[in-house]
Amino acid sequence: MLQLVISKAERERGHPLRTNMALVLGLSLIFVGALDVATTNLALAAGNFEANPLVRALQGAFGPWWALPKMVVHLLFAWFLVWLPSQRMILIGAGVVVMFLAIAANNFALAAA
């Protein structure tokens, strides 16, 4: 099973357009993760609360370092996307980038309110 995934990843990396798209999306995932962290901190400073219970638990457990495990997840997903740049992974990655852009926009709105 693992060998099948590895050979699929090697085949997919043979498509330059997909590889480039995956690289751009991977970098975008890291950027929107950092943007989400920054805007979450702005919204929290404005008196709002974290709505995501998992992130709230991270904030309770790690204090000011709560963003580290969150960014590790973003980095791992970006790495996996670049490692396996299939059409499905590119679509999922694009969806995740759009979702986190919407979350960051909402955090900005909450911080400004």
N, C-alpha and C. Protein backbone atom coordinates (compact mmCIF):
# COMPACT_ATOMS: atom_id res chain seq x y z
N MET A 1 0.82 -1.20 0.00
CA MET A 1 0.00 0.00 0.00
C MET A 1 0.87 1.26 0.00
N LEU A 2 1.83 1.30 0.91
CA LEU A 2 2.70 2.47 0.98
C LEU A 2 3.49 2.64 -0.32
N GLN A 3 3.92 1.53 -0.90
CA GLN A 3 4.66 1.61 -2.16
C GLN A 3 3.79 2.20 -3.27
N LEU A 4 2.49 1.90 -3.26
CA LEU A 4 1.58 2.47 -4.25
C LEU A 4 1.49 3.98 -4.10
N VAL A 5 1.41 4.45 -2.87
CA VAL A 5 1.33 5.89 -2.62
C VAL A 5 2.62 6.57 -3.05
N ILE A 6 3.74 5.93 -2.73
CA ILE A 6 5.04 6.51 -3.10
C ILE A 6 5.19 6.59 -4.61
N SER A 7 4.81 5.52 -5.32
CA SER A 7 4.94 5.55 -6.78
C SER A 7 3.96 6.56 -7.40
N LYS A 8 2.76 6.71 -6.81
CA LYS A 8 1.81 7.72 -7.30
C LYS A 8 2.39 9.12 -7.11
N ALA A 9 3.01 9.35 -5.96
CA ALA A 9 3.62 10.66 -5.69
C ALA A 9 4.72 10.96 -6.69
N GLU A 10 5.54 9.95 -7.00
CA GLU A 10 6.62 10.15 -7.97
C GLU A 10 6.06 10.47 -9.36
N ARG A 11 4.97 9.78 -9.75
CA ARG A 11 4.34 10.07 -11.04
C ARG A 11 3.77 11.48 -11.07
N GLU A 12 3.08 11.86 -10.01
CA GLU A 12 2.45 13.18 -9.97
C GLU A 12 3.48 14.30 -10.00
N ARG A 13 4.63 14.09 -9.38
CA ARG A 13 5.68 15.11 -9.40
C ARG A 13 6.30 15.24 -10.78
N GLY A 14 5.97 14.34 -11.70
CA GLY A 14 6.45 14.43 -13.08
C GLY A 14 5.67 15.44 -13.91
N HIS A 15 4.61 16.02 -13.36
CA HIS A 15 3.81 17.03 -14.06
C HIS A 15 4.26 18.42 -13.58
N PRO A 16 5.02 19.15 -14.38
CA PRO A 16 5.56 20.44 -13.93
C PRO A 16 4.48 21.44 -13.50
N LEU A 17 3.37 21.50 -14.24
CA LEU A 17 2.32 22.46 -13.88
C LEU A 17 1.74 22.14 -12.52
N ARG A 18 1.43 20.87 -12.28
CA ARG A 18 0.89 20.47 -10.98
C ARG A 18 1.91 20.71 -9.87
N THR A 19 3.14 20.41 -10.15
CA THR A 19 4.18 20.62 -9.14
C THR A 19 4.29 22.09 -8.78
N ASN A 20 4.27 22.96 -9.78
CA ASN A 20 4.34 24.40 -9.51
C ASN A 20 3.09 24.90 -8.78
N MET A 21 1.93 24.41 -9.20
CA MET A 21 0.69 24.81 -8.50
C MET A 21 0.72 24.36 -7.05
N ALA A 22 1.21 23.14 -6.81
CA ALA A 22 1.29 22.63 -5.45
C ALA A 22 2.27 23.45 -4.61
N LEU A 23 3.37 23.87 -5.21
CA LEU A 23 4.34 24.69 -4.49
C LEU A 23 3.73 26.04 -4.11
N VAL A 24 3.05 26.68 -5.04
CA VAL A 24 2.39 27.96 -4.75
C VAL A 24 1.33 27.78 -3.67
N LEU A 25 0.54 26.73 -3.78
CA LEU A 25 -0.49 26.48 -2.76
C LEU A 25 0.14 26.14 -1.41
N GLY A 26 1.23 25.38 -1.42
CA GLY A 26 1.90 25.06 -0.15
C GLY A 26 2.40 26.32 0.55
N LEU A 27 3.02 27.21 -0.21
CA LEU A 27 3.47 28.48 0.37
C LEU A 27 2.28 29.32 0.83
N SER A 28 1.19 29.27 0.07
CA SER A 28 -0.03 29.99 0.44
C SER A 28 -0.62 29.45 1.74
N LEU A 29 -0.56 28.13 1.91
CA LEU A 29 -1.07 27.52 3.15
C LEU A 29 -0.29 28.01 4.36
N ILE A 30 1.01 28.12 4.21
CA ILE A 30 1.83 28.62 5.32
C ILE A 30 1.51 30.08 5.58
N PHE A 31 1.36 30.87 4.53
CA PHE A 31 1.04 32.29 4.68
C PHE A 31 -0.31 32.48 5.36
N VAL A 32 -1.36 31.77 4.89
CA VAL A 32 -2.68 31.98 5.48
C VAL A 32 -2.74 31.45 6.90
N GLY A 33 -1.91 30.45 7.22
CA GLY A 33 -1.83 29.98 8.61
C GLY A 33 -1.28 31.07 9.51
N ALA A 34 -0.21 31.72 9.05
CA ALA A 34 0.37 32.82 9.82
C ALA A 34 -0.60 34.00 9.90
N LEU A 35 -1.30 34.27 8.81
CA LEU A 35 -2.29 35.34 8.80
C LEU A 35 -3.43 35.03 9.78
N ASP A 36 -3.86 33.78 9.83
CA ASP A 36 -4.89 33.37 10.78
C ASP A 36 -4.42 33.56 12.21
N VAL A 37 -3.19 33.19 12.50
CA VAL A 37 -2.65 33.37 13.86
C VAL A 37 -2.62 34.85 14.22
N ALA A 38 -2.12 35.68 13.31
CA ALA A 38 -2.01 37.11 13.59
C ALA A 38 -3.38 37.75 13.79
N THR A 39 -4.34 37.41 12.93
CA THR A 39 -5.67 38.01 13.06
C THR A 39 -6.43 37.44 14.26
N THR A 40 -6.16 36.19 14.60
CA THR A 40 -6.76 35.63 15.83
C THR A 40 -6.27 36.40 17.04
N ASN A 41 -4.98 36.66 17.09
CA ASN A 41 -4.43 37.43 18.21
C ASN A 41 -5.03 38.84 18.26
N LEU A 42 -5.26 39.46 17.09
CA LEU A 42 -5.90 40.78 17.06
C LEU A 42 -7.33 40.70 17.61
N ALA A 43 -8.07 39.69 17.18
CA ALA A 43 -9.45 39.54 17.63
C ALA A 43 -9.49 39.24 19.13
N LEU A 44 -8.58 38.43 19.63
CA LEU A 44 -8.54 38.14 21.06
C LEU A 44 -8.19 39.39 21.86
N ALA A 45 -7.27 40.19 21.34
CA ALA A 45 -6.90 41.44 22.01
C ALA A 45 -8.06 42.43 22.04
N ALA A 46 -8.97 42.32 21.08
CA ALA A 46 -10.13 43.20 21.03
C ALA A 46 -11.27 42.71 21.93
N GLY A 47 -11.03 41.61 22.67
CA GLY A 47 -12.03 41.12 23.61
C GLY A 47 -12.88 39.97 23.11
N ASN A 48 -12.57 39.44 21.95
CA ASN A 48 -13.33 38.31 21.42
C ASN A 48 -12.76 37.01 21.99
N PHE A 49 -13.39 35.88 21.65
CA PHE A 49 -12.92 34.59 22.14
C PHE A 49 -12.73 33.66 20.95
N GLU A 50 -11.93 32.63 21.15
CA GLU A 50 -11.68 31.63 20.12
C GLU A 50 -12.88 30.70 20.04
N ALA A 51 -13.47 30.59 18.85
CA ALA A 51 -14.66 29.76 18.66
C ALA A 51 -14.32 28.29 18.42
N ASN A 52 -13.13 28.02 17.90
CA ASN A 52 -12.72 26.65 17.61
C ASN A 52 -12.26 25.99 18.92
N PRO A 53 -12.96 24.94 19.37
CA PRO A 53 -12.59 24.33 20.65
C PRO A 53 -11.19 23.70 20.65
N LEU A 54 -10.74 23.20 19.51
CA LEU A 54 -9.40 22.61 19.46
C LEU A 54 -8.34 23.69 19.62
N VAL A 55 -8.50 24.80 18.93
CA VAL A 55 -7.55 25.90 19.05
C VAL A 55 -7.62 26.51 20.46
N ARG A 56 -8.83 26.60 21.01
CA ARG A 56 -8.98 27.10 22.38
C ARG A 56 -8.22 26.21 23.36
N ALA A 57 -8.26 24.89 23.14
CA ALA A 57 -7.51 23.96 23.99
C ALA A 57 -6.01 24.18 23.81
N LEU A 58 -5.57 24.42 22.58
CA LEU A 58 -4.15 24.72 22.34
C LEU A 58 -3.74 25.99 23.08
N GLN A 59 -4.60 26.99 23.04
CA GLN A 59 -4.30 28.24 23.72
C GLN A 59 -4.19 28.03 25.23
N GLY A 60 -5.07 27.18 25.77
CA GLY A 60 -5.00 26.88 27.20
C GLY A 60 -3.78 26.06 27.57
N ALA A 61 -3.39 25.14 26.70
CA ALA A 61 -2.27 24.25 27.01
C ALA A 61 -0.91 24.90 26.76
N PHE A 62 -0.81 25.71 25.69
CA PHE A 62 0.49 26.25 25.29
C PHE A 62 0.66 27.73 25.60
N GLY A 63 -0.40 28.39 26.06
CA GLY A 63 -0.30 29.81 26.38
C GLY A 63 0.09 30.61 25.15
N PRO A 64 1.07 31.51 25.27
CA PRO A 64 1.44 32.35 24.12
C PRO A 64 2.08 31.57 22.97
N TRP A 65 2.43 30.32 23.19
CA TRP A 65 3.04 29.48 22.15
C TRP A 65 2.00 28.62 21.43
N TRP A 66 0.73 28.93 21.58
CA TRP A 66 -0.34 28.12 21.00
C TRP A 66 -0.22 28.01 19.48
N ALA A 67 0.39 28.99 18.84
CA ALA A 67 0.46 28.98 17.37
C ALA A 67 1.44 27.95 16.82
N LEU A 68 2.40 27.51 17.63
CA LEU A 68 3.38 26.56 17.12
C LEU A 68 2.75 25.25 16.64
N PRO A 69 1.95 24.56 17.45
CA PRO A 69 1.36 23.32 16.92
C PRO A 69 0.42 23.57 15.75
N LYS A 70 -0.25 24.70 15.75
CA LYS A 70 -1.13 25.04 14.63
C LYS A 70 -0.32 25.22 13.35
N MET A 71 0.80 25.91 13.43
CA MET A 71 1.63 26.13 12.25
C MET A 71 2.31 24.83 11.81
N VAL A 72 2.60 23.94 12.74
CA VAL A 72 3.17 22.64 12.36
C VAL A 72 2.18 21.89 11.46
N VAL A 73 0.90 21.96 11.79
CA VAL A 73 -0.11 21.30 10.95
C VAL A 73 -0.13 21.93 9.56
N HIS A 74 -0.05 23.25 9.49
CA HIS A 74 0.00 23.93 8.18
C HIS A 74 1.25 23.51 7.40
N LEU A 75 2.38 23.45 8.06
CA LEU A 75 3.62 23.05 7.39
C LEU A 75 3.55 21.60 6.90
N LEU A 76 2.99 20.71 7.71
CA LEU A 76 2.87 19.31 7.30
C LEU A 76 1.95 19.17 6.09
N PHE A 77 0.82 19.88 6.12
CA PHE A 77 -0.09 19.79 4.99
C PHE A 77 0.54 20.38 3.73
N ALA A 78 1.27 21.48 3.88
CA ALA A 78 1.95 22.09 2.73
C ALA A 78 3.00 21.12 2.17
N TRP A 79 3.77 20.48 3.06
CA TRP A 79 4.77 19.50 2.61
C TRP A 79 4.10 18.35 1.88
N PHE A 80 3.00 17.82 2.44
CA PHE A 80 2.32 16.69 1.81
C PHE A 80 1.76 17.09 0.45
N LEU A 81 1.26 18.29 0.34
CA LEU A 81 0.72 18.78 -0.92
C LEU A 81 1.83 18.85 -1.99
N VAL A 82 3.00 19.33 -1.60
CA VAL A 82 4.12 19.41 -2.54
C VAL A 82 4.65 18.01 -2.86
N TRP A 83 4.63 17.12 -1.89
CA TRP A 83 5.11 15.75 -2.10
C TRP A 83 4.19 14.96 -3.02
N LEU A 84 2.87 15.19 -2.88
CA LEU A 84 1.89 14.48 -3.70
C LEU A 84 1.00 15.51 -4.40
N PRO A 85 1.50 16.11 -5.49
CA PRO A 85 0.74 17.18 -6.15
C PRO A 85 -0.33 16.65 -7.12
N SER A 86 -1.20 15.81 -6.60
CA SER A 86 -2.26 15.27 -7.45
C SER A 86 -3.34 16.34 -7.65
N GLN A 87 -4.18 16.11 -8.62
CA GLN A 87 -5.27 17.04 -8.91
C GLN A 87 -6.18 17.18 -7.68
N ARG A 88 -6.47 16.07 -7.03
CA ARG A 88 -7.32 16.10 -5.84
C ARG A 88 -6.67 16.90 -4.71
N MET A 89 -5.38 16.69 -4.48
CA MET A 89 -4.70 17.43 -3.41
C MET A 89 -4.64 18.92 -3.72
N ILE A 90 -4.47 19.27 -4.98
CA ILE A 90 -4.45 20.69 -5.36
C ILE A 90 -5.82 21.32 -5.10
N LEU A 91 -6.88 20.62 -5.43
CA LEU A 91 -8.22 21.14 -5.16
C LEU A 91 -8.47 21.29 -3.66
N ILE A 92 -8.07 20.30 -2.90
CA ILE A 92 -8.23 20.38 -1.44
C ILE A 92 -7.41 21.54 -0.90
N GLY A 93 -6.16 21.66 -1.34
CA GLY A 93 -5.30 22.75 -0.89
C GLY A 93 -5.88 24.11 -1.22
N ALA A 94 -6.42 24.27 -2.42
CA ALA A 94 -7.05 25.54 -2.80
C ALA A 94 -8.24 25.84 -1.91
N GLY A 95 -9.03 24.82 -1.61
CA GLY A 95 -10.18 25.01 -0.72
C GLY A 95 -9.76 25.42 0.68
N VAL A 96 -8.69 24.82 1.18
CA VAL A 96 -8.20 25.17 2.51
C VAL A 96 -7.67 26.60 2.54
N VAL A 97 -6.97 27.01 1.49
CA VAL A 97 -6.47 28.39 1.43
C VAL A 97 -7.63 29.38 1.44
N VAL A 98 -8.66 29.12 0.64
CA VAL A 98 -9.83 30.01 0.60
C VAL A 98 -10.52 30.04 1.97
N MET A 99 -10.65 28.88 2.61
CA MET A 99 -11.29 28.82 3.92
C MET A 99 -10.52 29.66 4.94
N PHE A 100 -9.20 29.52 4.96
CA PHE A 100 -8.43 30.30 5.94
C PHE A 100 -8.39 31.78 5.61
N LEU A 101 -8.50 32.14 4.34
CA LEU A 101 -8.63 33.56 4.00
C LEU A 101 -9.94 34.11 4.55
N ALA A 102 -11.01 33.33 4.44
CA ALA A 102 -12.30 33.76 4.99
C ALA A 102 -12.23 33.89 6.51
N ILE A 103 -11.56 32.95 7.15
CA ILE A 103 -11.42 33.01 8.61
C ILE A 103 -10.62 34.25 9.01
N ALA A 104 -9.53 34.53 8.30
CA ALA A 104 -8.73 35.71 8.62
C ALA A 104 -9.52 36.99 8.41
N ALA A 105 -10.33 37.04 7.34
CA ALA A 105 -11.18 38.22 7.09
C ALA A 105 -12.18 38.39 8.23
N ASN A 106 -12.75 37.29 8.68
CA ASN A 106 -13.68 37.36 9.80
C ASN A 106 -12.98 37.84 11.08
N ASN A 107 -11.76 37.35 11.30
CA ASN A 107 -11.00 37.80 12.47
C ASN A 107 -10.72 39.30 12.40
N PHE A 108 -10.39 39.80 11.21
CA PHE A 108 -10.20 41.25 11.03
C PHE A 108 -11.47 42.01 11.37
N ALA A 109 -12.60 41.51 10.89
CA ALA A 109 -13.88 42.16 11.17
C ALA A 109 -14.18 42.17 12.66
N LEU A 110 -13.90 41.05 13.33
CA LEU A 110 -14.13 40.98 14.77
C LEU A 110 -13.21 41.93 15.54
N ALA A 111 -11.97 42.04 15.09
CA ALA A 111 -11.02 42.93 15.77
C ALA A 111 -11.41 44.39 15.59
N ALA A 112 -12.01 44.71 14.43
CA ALA A 112 -12.38 46.10 14.16
C ALA A 112 -13.69 46.50 14.85
N ALA A 113 -14.48 45.52 15.20
CA ALA A 113 -15.82 45.83 15.79
C ALA A 113 -15.71 46.30 17.22
